Amino acid sequence: MQDTGRFDTLGRLEDLPQDYRDELTQHNLVPLWPSLRAVLPPHVPARKTQPTHWPYAKLRELLLKAGELTPIEKAERRVLVLANPGHGLEKMQASAAMYLGMQLLLPGELAPAHKHTPNAVRMVVEGEGAWTLVNGEKCPMSRGDLILTPTGLWHEHGHDGDQPVIWLDVLDLPLVYYIEASYHEEVPSQTVVPGQGAKSYARGGVAPTTVFQRADKAYPMLRYPWADAKAALESIAADLPDQECVQVTYINPETGKDAENILGFYALMLRPGQTLRLPARSPAQVFHQIEGSADVSVEAQAFTLAEADTCAVPGYTAVTLTNRSANAPAFLFVADEAPLHRKLGVYENRG
């Protein structure tokens, strides 16, 4: 019988003679065994992502101050990054694969056209009158709307209204940067083309098939209006009053797959007074409060999400959400790393 106990304590780096260690370094070599348990820990991965809460009231105050201090011409994208302290603030990561930023556009401003390798989405938090032009499709930006700017698509932001517009950016930037594939390119301007995917795919179960041809766009729908997502959630809740979880996934309407390739996006409704326990899954998650207020309990920490607040939680951790209102539903936007985990074959649901 194999004696597995002999592997409980592995050799340390300092156990090796210094001249041997120096020779390894000289030849760019590293012994594995002193670090083996750090990179392959038992049962649960090592995680730097910490449960972190970003209250919108303070974030908004500081973001508007940034609007006074830095003109758009000096910023290109005026953003405050929601950085997870577990990764180090200088890394600008919300989790291992997710970047979060709160972006401000003031009336009359234009964030110039560019494209980049990381995928991005915009969850509109506040204001009216702004728009995002994505590969020629003009997407109005209203509170709660989700707008895609996928990898390699030109996009720019403009504002024709009279009040500040703020939105939450979610990108897979940490992953793309880690694999040394992150860069951007600029273009002077885009030409607006007619049509909007949000209108073409506004009804579930039907898709445009001009002369019997299905759309060949990789991303046929770029704007997901909050009015439609909220109506879908309310319809599910009314039709299935005993269903524990009322949730929808933002998908590619032509393929049925996730709206983008690396990160997953969802809208979640908590019934009045409802407490919902989400199982421990491998991907890290981000919760953003669209409407209402909810208590979030994760590991030994708890915090309250007011409207427009955002929080991040690590993977392999159960999360409990509670609607603070006994009279009205609460609605949350959720982003996670599930599509990436599935592609890598490491996705787990330990619920």
Protein backbone atom coordinates (compact mmCIF):
# COMPACT_ATOMS: atom_id res chain seq x y z
CA MET A 1 0.00 0.00 0.00
CA GLN A 2 1.29 3.45 -0.93
CA ASP A 3 2.20 5.68 2.00
CA THR A 4 0.61 9.03 1.10
CA GLY A 5 1.44 10.53 4.48
CA ARG A 6 5.04 11.00 3.47
CA PHE A 7 3.93 13.85 1.18
CA ASP A 8 2.32 15.86 3.97
CA THR A 9 5.46 17.95 4.50
CA LEU A 10 7.38 18.88 1.39
CA GLY A 11 10.93 20.16 1.26
CA ARG A 12 11.51 23.89 1.62
CA LEU A 13 13.64 26.10 -0.58
CA GLU A 14 15.90 26.92 2.36
CA ASP A 15 16.60 23.20 2.81
CA LEU A 16 18.64 23.30 -0.40
CA PRO A 17 22.30 24.41 -0.33
CA GLN A 18 22.77 28.04 -1.33
CA ASP A 19 25.27 27.17 -4.07
CA TYR A 20 22.70 24.81 -5.62
CA ARG A 21 19.99 27.46 -5.45
CA ASP A 22 22.33 30.02 -7.02
CA GLU A 23 23.10 27.64 -9.88
CA LEU A 24 19.39 27.04 -10.50
CA THR A 25 18.81 30.81 -10.64
CA GLN A 26 21.72 31.26 -13.01
CA HIS A 27 20.05 28.87 -15.46
CA ASN A 28 16.49 30.25 -14.96
CA LEU A 29 15.31 27.15 -13.12
CA VAL A 30 13.04 26.85 -10.07
CA PRO A 31 12.39 23.76 -7.92
CA LEU A 32 8.68 22.92 -7.88
CA TRP A 33 8.27 21.05 -4.62
CA PRO A 34 8.66 24.01 -2.22
CA SER A 35 5.78 25.80 -4.00
CA LEU A 36 3.67 22.82 -5.03
CA ARG A 37 1.02 23.25 -2.34
CA ALA A 38 0.73 26.96 -3.10
CA VAL A 39 -0.21 26.38 -6.75
CA LEU A 40 -2.12 23.12 -6.14
CA PRO A 41 -3.74 23.47 -2.69
CA PRO A 42 -6.11 20.77 -1.43
CA HIS A 43 -9.88 20.94 -2.04
CA VAL A 44 -10.26 24.70 -2.72
CA PRO A 45 -8.09 26.95 -4.92
CA ALA A 46 -6.09 29.81 -3.48
CA ARG A 47 -8.11 32.97 -4.15
CA LYS A 48 -6.99 36.58 -3.99
CA THR A 49 -10.48 37.94 -4.69
CA GLN A 50 -12.02 39.28 -1.49
CA PRO A 51 -15.67 40.14 -0.81
CA THR A 52 -15.66 43.86 -1.60
CA HIS A 53 -18.41 46.50 -1.58
CA TRP A 54 -18.34 49.77 -3.54
CA PRO A 55 -21.13 52.13 -2.34
CA TYR A 56 -22.41 54.24 -5.22
CA ALA A 57 -23.05 57.37 -3.13
CA LYS A 58 -19.36 57.89 -2.42
CA LEU A 59 -18.25 56.63 -5.84
CA ARG A 60 -20.60 59.07 -7.59
CA GLU A 61 -19.29 61.97 -5.52
CA LEU A 62 -15.69 61.18 -6.44
CA LEU A 63 -16.55 60.52 -10.08
CA LEU A 64 -18.27 63.89 -10.48
CA LYS A 65 -15.23 65.48 -8.85
CA ALA A 66 -13.10 63.77 -11.49
CA GLY A 67 -15.32 65.44 -14.09
CA GLU A 68 -14.32 68.82 -12.65
CA LEU A 69 -10.63 67.96 -12.39
CA THR A 70 -10.03 66.15 -15.68
CA PRO A 71 -11.54 67.13 -19.06
CA ILE A 72 -12.44 64.30 -21.39
CA GLU A 73 -9.60 65.31 -23.71
CA LYS A 74 -7.14 64.45 -20.93
CA ALA A 75 -8.83 61.18 -20.00
CA GLU A 76 -10.24 59.62 -23.21
CA ARG A 77 -12.35 57.47 -20.86
CA ARG A 78 -13.08 59.14 -17.50
CA VAL A 79 -13.28 56.11 -15.23
CA LEU A 80 -12.75 55.24 -11.58
CA VAL A 81 -11.67 51.60 -11.32
CA LEU A 82 -13.37 49.40 -8.73
CA ALA A 83 -10.25 47.57 -7.52
CA ASN A 84 -10.34 44.52 -5.28
CA PRO A 85 -7.84 44.93 -2.41
CA GLY A 86 -7.08 41.21 -2.47
CA HIS A 87 -5.40 41.61 -5.85
CA GLY A 88 -3.71 44.90 -4.94
CA LEU A 89 -5.22 48.19 -6.04
CA GLU A 90 -2.50 48.71 -8.65
CA LYS A 91 -3.69 45.59 -10.52
CA MET A 92 -7.11 47.20 -11.17
CA GLN A 93 -8.92 43.86 -10.88
CA ALA A 94 -12.30 43.08 -9.37
CA SER A 95 -11.51 39.37 -9.65
CA ALA A 96 -9.03 37.14 -11.46
CA ALA A 97 -10.72 37.73 -14.84
CA MET A 98 -13.00 40.73 -14.30
CA TYR A 99 -12.29 44.48 -14.41
CA LEU A 100 -14.89 46.97 -13.18
CA GLY A 101 -14.94 50.70 -13.81
CA MET A 102 -17.51 53.43 -13.24
CA GLN A 103 -17.46 55.82 -16.19
CA LEU A 104 -18.71 59.41 -16.42
CA LEU A 105 -19.78 61.30 -19.54
CA LEU A 106 -20.85 64.91 -19.17
CA PRO A 107 -23.29 66.73 -21.49
CA GLY A 108 -21.77 67.48 -24.88
CA GLU A 109 -18.77 65.22 -24.38
CA LEU A 110 -17.55 62.58 -26.83
CA ALA A 111 -15.35 59.64 -25.86
CA PRO A 112 -13.56 58.99 -29.16
CA ALA A 113 -13.82 55.83 -31.24
CA HIS A 114 -11.47 52.97 -30.58
CA LYS A 115 -11.45 49.18 -30.43
CA HIS A 116 -9.55 46.80 -28.21
CA THR A 117 -8.97 43.12 -27.64
CA PRO A 118 -10.69 42.82 -24.24
CA ASN A 119 -14.46 42.29 -24.33
CA ALA A 120 -16.53 44.95 -22.57
CA VAL A 121 -20.12 45.62 -21.54
CA ARG A 122 -21.75 48.77 -20.18
CA MET A 123 -24.49 48.64 -17.52
CA VAL A 124 -26.11 52.08 -17.47
CA VAL A 125 -26.45 53.41 -13.92
CA GLU A 126 -27.73 56.96 -14.20
CA GLY A 127 -28.85 59.63 -16.67
CA GLU A 128 -30.40 59.96 -20.12
CA GLY A 129 -29.31 61.33 -23.47
CA ALA A 130 -26.08 59.39 -23.98
CA TRP A 131 -25.42 56.79 -26.65
CA THR A 132 -22.80 54.27 -27.65
CA LEU A 133 -21.97 53.74 -31.32
CA VAL A 134 -20.80 50.15 -31.86
CA ASN A 135 -19.63 49.25 -35.38
CA GLY A 136 -22.06 51.84 -36.72
CA GLU A 137 -25.09 50.81 -34.63
CA LYS A 138 -26.26 53.64 -32.39
CA CYS A 139 -27.35 52.30 -29.01
CA PRO A 140 -29.28 54.68 -26.74
CA MET A 141 -28.20 54.44 -23.10
CA SER A 142 -30.96 54.29 -20.50
CA ARG A 143 -30.76 53.20 -16.88
CA GLY A 144 -30.42 49.44 -16.55
CA ASP A 145 -29.57 48.86 -20.23
CA LEU A 146 -26.75 46.43 -21.03
CA ILE A 147 -24.65 47.39 -24.06
CA LEU A 148 -21.97 45.16 -25.56
CA THR A 149 -18.68 46.36 -27.02
CA PRO A 150 -17.09 42.99 -27.83
CA THR A 151 -13.50 42.33 -28.78
CA GLY A 152 -12.44 44.02 -32.00
CA LEU A 153 -15.58 46.17 -32.52
CA TRP A 154 -15.23 49.94 -32.94
CA HIS A 155 -17.10 51.93 -30.32
CA GLU A 156 -17.45 55.49 -29.07
CA HIS A 157 -19.66 57.27 -26.54
CA GLY A 158 -21.51 60.57 -26.96
CA HIS A 159 -23.89 62.62 -24.85
CA ASP A 160 -26.69 64.83 -26.21
CA GLY A 161 -28.49 65.31 -22.88
CA ASP A 162 -28.17 67.89 -20.14
CA GLN A 163 -27.26 65.81 -17.07
CA PRO A 164 -24.30 63.54 -16.24
CA VAL A 165 -24.53 59.95 -17.48
CA ILE A 166 -22.75 57.21 -15.55
CA TRP A 167 -22.35 53.54 -16.35
CA LEU A 168 -20.57 50.47 -15.03
CA ASP A 169 -17.92 48.93 -17.30
CA VAL A 170 -17.26 45.18 -17.04
CA LEU A 171 -14.29 43.83 -19.02
CA ASP A 172 -12.27 40.64 -19.20
CA LEU A 173 -9.17 42.87 -19.23
CA PRO A 174 -7.23 41.03 -16.47
CA LEU A 175 -7.32 37.79 -18.45
CA VAL A 176 -6.45 39.36 -21.80
CA TYR A 177 -3.66 41.37 -20.20
CA TYR A 178 -2.31 38.27 -18.45
CA ILE A 179 -2.00 36.35 -21.73
CA GLU A 180 -0.22 39.38 -23.26
CA ALA A 181 -2.95 40.06 -25.83
CA SER A 182 -4.27 43.43 -24.64
CA TYR A 183 -4.05 46.44 -26.98
CA HIS A 184 -6.25 49.08 -28.63
CA GLU A 185 -6.51 50.96 -31.93
CA GLU A 186 -8.12 54.29 -32.77
CA VAL A 187 -10.21 55.53 -35.70
CA PRO A 188 -11.26 59.15 -36.45
CA SER A 189 -15.00 58.41 -36.60
CA GLN A 190 -17.66 55.87 -37.50
CA THR A 191 -20.54 55.95 -39.95
CA VAL A 192 -23.97 55.34 -38.49
CA VAL A 193 -25.80 52.42 -40.11
CA PRO A 194 -29.58 51.89 -39.92
CA GLY A 195 -31.17 49.27 -37.71
CA GLN A 196 -30.87 48.09 -34.11
CA GLY A 197 -30.50 44.52 -32.95
CA ALA A 198 -32.56 45.28 -29.86
CA LYS A 199 -35.58 45.89 -32.13
CA SER A 200 -34.91 43.02 -34.53
CA TYR A 201 -34.69 40.50 -31.69
CA ALA A 202 -37.28 42.09 -29.41
CA ARG A 203 -39.53 39.00 -29.31
CA GLY A 204 -38.36 35.70 -27.91
CA GLY A 205 -38.53 32.70 -30.22
CA VAL A 206 -38.34 34.62 -33.49
CA ALA A 207 -35.32 35.95 -35.38
CA PRO A 208 -35.01 38.02 -38.56
CA THR A 209 -34.45 35.82 -41.64
CA THR A 210 -34.34 38.13 -44.65
CA VAL A 211 -34.98 36.01 -47.77
CA PHE A 212 -34.60 32.93 -45.55
CA GLN A 213 -31.07 33.91 -44.52
CA ARG A 214 -30.12 34.04 -40.85
CA ALA A 215 -27.85 36.84 -39.60
CA ASP A 216 -24.14 36.09 -39.88
CA LYS A 217 -22.99 38.68 -37.33
CA ALA A 218 -20.98 37.33 -34.42
CA TYR A 219 -22.84 39.77 -32.17
CA PRO A 220 -26.26 40.41 -33.73
CA MET A 221 -27.65 42.14 -30.61
CA LEU A 222 -25.57 44.87 -28.98
CA ARG A 223 -28.12 46.57 -26.69
CA TYR A 224 -30.29 44.73 -24.18
CA PRO A 225 -32.89 47.23 -22.90
CA TRP A 226 -33.65 47.03 -19.19
CA ALA A 227 -37.37 47.44 -19.90
CA ASP A 228 -37.34 44.12 -21.77
CA ALA A 229 -35.24 42.26 -19.21
CA LYS A 230 -37.35 43.53 -16.32
CA ALA A 231 -40.57 42.57 -18.12
CA ALA A 232 -39.20 39.06 -18.67
CA LEU A 233 -38.35 38.68 -14.99
CA GLU A 234 -41.76 39.90 -13.89
CA SER A 235 -43.45 37.56 -16.35
CA ILE A 236 -41.49 34.57 -15.05
CA ALA A 237 -42.31 35.51 -11.46
CA ALA A 238 -46.02 35.80 -12.24
CA ASP A 239 -46.13 32.55 -14.19
CA LEU A 240 -44.11 30.55 -11.64
CA PRO A 241 -45.02 32.02 -8.25
CA ASP A 242 -43.29 29.24 -6.32
CA GLN A 243 -40.03 29.29 -8.27
CA GLU A 244 -37.18 29.99 -5.89
CA CYS A 245 -34.90 31.87 -8.30
CA VAL A 246 -36.17 34.29 -10.93
CA GLN A 247 -33.27 34.95 -13.27
CA VAL A 248 -32.53 35.54 -16.96
CA THR A 249 -29.29 35.24 -18.91
CA TYR A 250 -28.18 37.74 -21.52
CA ILE A 251 -27.56 35.59 -24.59
CA ASN A 252 -26.68 35.79 -28.26
CA PRO A 253 -30.15 35.45 -29.85
CA GLU A 254 -28.77 33.62 -32.91
CA THR A 255 -26.77 30.98 -31.06
CA GLY A 256 -28.37 30.79 -27.62
CA LYS A 257 -24.90 31.01 -26.09
CA ASP A 258 -23.67 33.66 -23.66
CA ALA A 259 -23.77 37.21 -25.00
CA GLU A 260 -19.95 37.37 -24.93
CA ASN A 261 -17.25 34.72 -24.95
CA ILE A 262 -15.48 35.05 -21.61
CA LEU A 263 -17.84 36.56 -19.02
CA GLY A 264 -21.48 35.77 -18.29
CA PHE A 265 -24.20 38.36 -17.64
CA TYR A 266 -27.55 37.90 -15.91
CA ALA A 267 -30.45 39.79 -14.36
CA LEU A 268 -31.88 38.53 -11.08
CA MET A 269 -35.15 39.38 -9.34
CA LEU A 270 -35.70 38.95 -5.61
CA ARG A 271 -39.35 38.79 -4.65
CA PRO A 272 -40.51 41.02 -1.77
CA GLY A 273 -38.83 39.86 1.42
CA GLN A 274 -37.16 36.92 -0.33
CA THR A 275 -33.93 35.33 0.86
CA LEU A 276 -32.08 33.40 -1.84
CA ARG A 277 -29.02 31.22 -1.29
CA LEU A 278 -26.83 30.91 -4.36
CA PRO A 279 -24.63 27.79 -4.37
CA ALA A 280 -20.87 27.76 -4.17
CA ARG A 281 -19.65 27.81 -7.79
CA SER A 282 -16.14 28.05 -9.16
CA PRO A 283 -16.42 31.48 -10.88
CA ALA A 284 -16.13 34.78 -9.05
CA GLN A 285 -19.23 36.99 -9.26
CA VAL A 286 -20.15 40.66 -9.34
CA PHE A 287 -23.52 41.97 -8.14
CA HIS A 288 -24.83 45.42 -9.10
CA GLN A 289 -28.11 46.72 -7.66
CA ILE A 290 -30.33 48.07 -10.47
CA GLU A 291 -33.47 48.66 -8.41
CA GLY A 292 -34.28 48.25 -4.72
CA SER A 293 -31.90 47.16 -1.99
CA ALA A 294 -30.49 43.82 -0.89
CA ASP A 295 -28.37 42.35 1.88
CA VAL A 296 -25.42 40.25 0.72
CA SER A 297 -23.85 37.61 2.95
CA VAL A 298 -20.67 35.88 1.80
CA GLU A 299 -18.27 33.88 3.95
CA ALA A 300 -18.00 35.78 7.25
CA GLN A 301 -18.89 39.15 5.73
CA ALA A 302 -22.16 40.95 5.11
CA PHE A 303 -23.05 44.27 3.53
CA THR A 304 -26.07 46.08 2.15
CA LEU A 305 -26.41 47.02 -1.50
CA ALA A 306 -28.29 50.27 -1.94
CA GLU A 307 -29.46 51.21 -5.42
CA ALA A 308 -26.48 51.38 -7.86
CA ASP A 309 -24.07 49.80 -5.35
CA THR A 310 -21.70 47.09 -6.61
CA CYS A 311 -19.93 44.20 -4.90
CA ALA A 312 -17.59 41.36 -5.84
CA VAL A 313 -17.39 37.91 -4.26
CA PRO A 314 -14.83 35.12 -4.78
CA GLY A 315 -15.54 31.81 -6.42
CA TYR A 316 -16.13 28.53 -4.54
CA THR A 317 -18.23 30.52 -2.08
CA ALA A 318 -21.96 30.42 -1.38
CA VAL A 319 -23.78 33.77 -1.41
CA THR A 320 -27.01 34.66 0.35
CA LEU A 321 -29.12 37.55 -0.99
CA THR A 322 -32.04 39.07 0.89
CA ASN A 323 -34.46 41.66 -0.46
CA ARG A 324 -34.70 44.37 2.21
CA SER A 325 -38.20 45.35 1.10
CA ALA A 326 -41.26 43.34 2.10
CA ASN A 327 -43.40 45.20 -0.43
CA ALA A 328 -41.43 45.54 -3.67
CA PRO A 329 -39.10 43.33 -5.70
CA ALA A 330 -35.37 44.01 -5.97
CA PHE A 331 -33.43 43.67 -9.22
CA LEU A 332 -29.73 42.93 -9.61
CA PHE A 333 -27.32 42.69 -12.52
CA VAL A 334 -24.85 39.83 -12.17
CA ALA A 335 -21.57 39.22 -14.00
CA ASP A 336 -19.41 36.13 -13.56
CA GLU A 337 -16.55 34.12 -15.07
CA ALA A 338 -18.69 31.04 -15.85
CA PRO A 339 -18.20 31.00 -19.68
CA LEU A 340 -14.43 31.10 -19.18
CA HIS A 341 -14.54 28.30 -16.60
CA ARG A 342 -16.66 26.15 -18.90
CA LYS A 343 -14.27 26.65 -21.81
CA LEU A 344 -11.37 25.66 -19.58
CA GLY A 345 -13.23 22.63 -18.24
CA VAL A 346 -12.91 23.77 -14.60
CA TYR A 347 -16.50 24.92 -13.97
CA GLU A 348 -17.97 23.54 -10.76
CA ASN A 349 -21.27 23.93 -8.95
CA ARG A 350 -20.86 22.63 -5.40
CA GLY A 351 -24.40 23.48 -4.38
